[in-house]
């Protein structure tokens, strides 16, 4: 059993509770949700597991020190006190990132990153008369500095490297593709776990379908990823990493129900199939060249329908009313015994669906304020009220 330490998982706004639940199910201790982040405790092996498995984390940070600052001089002085050779070689490379909410220091994140870089370089120069180089793309060490609004500065090592939404399977995208972390978050928010059929009726490049299938099959979300930042750390334990990866792979299962996607655009169907092949999931997902509005449910039993319809700049203004009315009509006439979920930034357009929402969850998609809405489609839904509440 390794030594436990505190970590921070960064996530998207609205997915904090989902990530907390993921962490608890994975075995994390002392899980505490914040804003766009969740704190937790685990050992080195759990840090590897969190990077490999978590679906709604963007990155996993390992805090190494916390101190109070009043100004830039305080920051620089405290950064110089850290024994940086514990974490990297003088011949190595590093990159820095800064975020700040404290009034006493400039809010310019580039300046904060620069100040951190100078302190690390000056530390090595004073001690070894040499300094490591900066490498933005593939550094040996990524250092994250965050100053909260009270002036407390937390210096962390970024164990992930590239954002964890970069799963490694996406080779093709359509216009405004959904982020993989958000896609996984929506699937988990819907409660889908593989025990129902799953349909994405406007599947685009298949991100939602792939994330849903990985959930149904219990496939670690980053199993296709080329590298994590911790693999370059001085204390990286390769044997432990492969042991954890193998134990996760052994828990993969086949899906119990049908998983399928539709799209009316041949180019989208092609891209979807390429991404699904890249994720090695061709045997589990069926993609069909169909316009959802001309489709009907052809699978037996309870079904989760989840999609990201075009909205905002992807949909012409004069299409909106008819488009959303067609969604409602298609669901209520052809998709009974289903739970239908979709995300939209066009809150006003929801009234045209003509069905009652049974849930509305506020969520961000990039910079857009969105609602993730649920409709229960029963046999009697054809008689449903035309007034969305």
Foldseek 3Di string as FASTA:
>chain_A
DADKAKKKFFFFAQLQVVQLVVCVVLPWAPWAGDGRMIMTMDGPLVQLVCLQARQGTFFMWGWDDKDFDQELVRVLVVLLPDPCVLWDDQQFEEFEWEAEQAPSYDRPGVVVRVSNQVSQQVSCCVVPVGGYYYDLQQGLWYWYWYAYHRRMITIITTFFRGTSLPLQLQPDFDPQDFGLSVLLSLCVVVVQQQPAEEEAAAQQLNSNLLSSQCSQFQRRSNPNPDDGSNVSTPPDDPVSSVVSNVVSVVSGHHRPYAYEYEHQDPVRLVNNCSSCVSVVNVVRYYYYNDNLLPDADPGDAEYEYEYEDDDDPRDDPVCLLVVLCSQLVSCQPGPANYKYKYKYLCVVSNLSSQAEWPDWRWGDGPPGTIIITIGHHHPPRVVHGSGYD
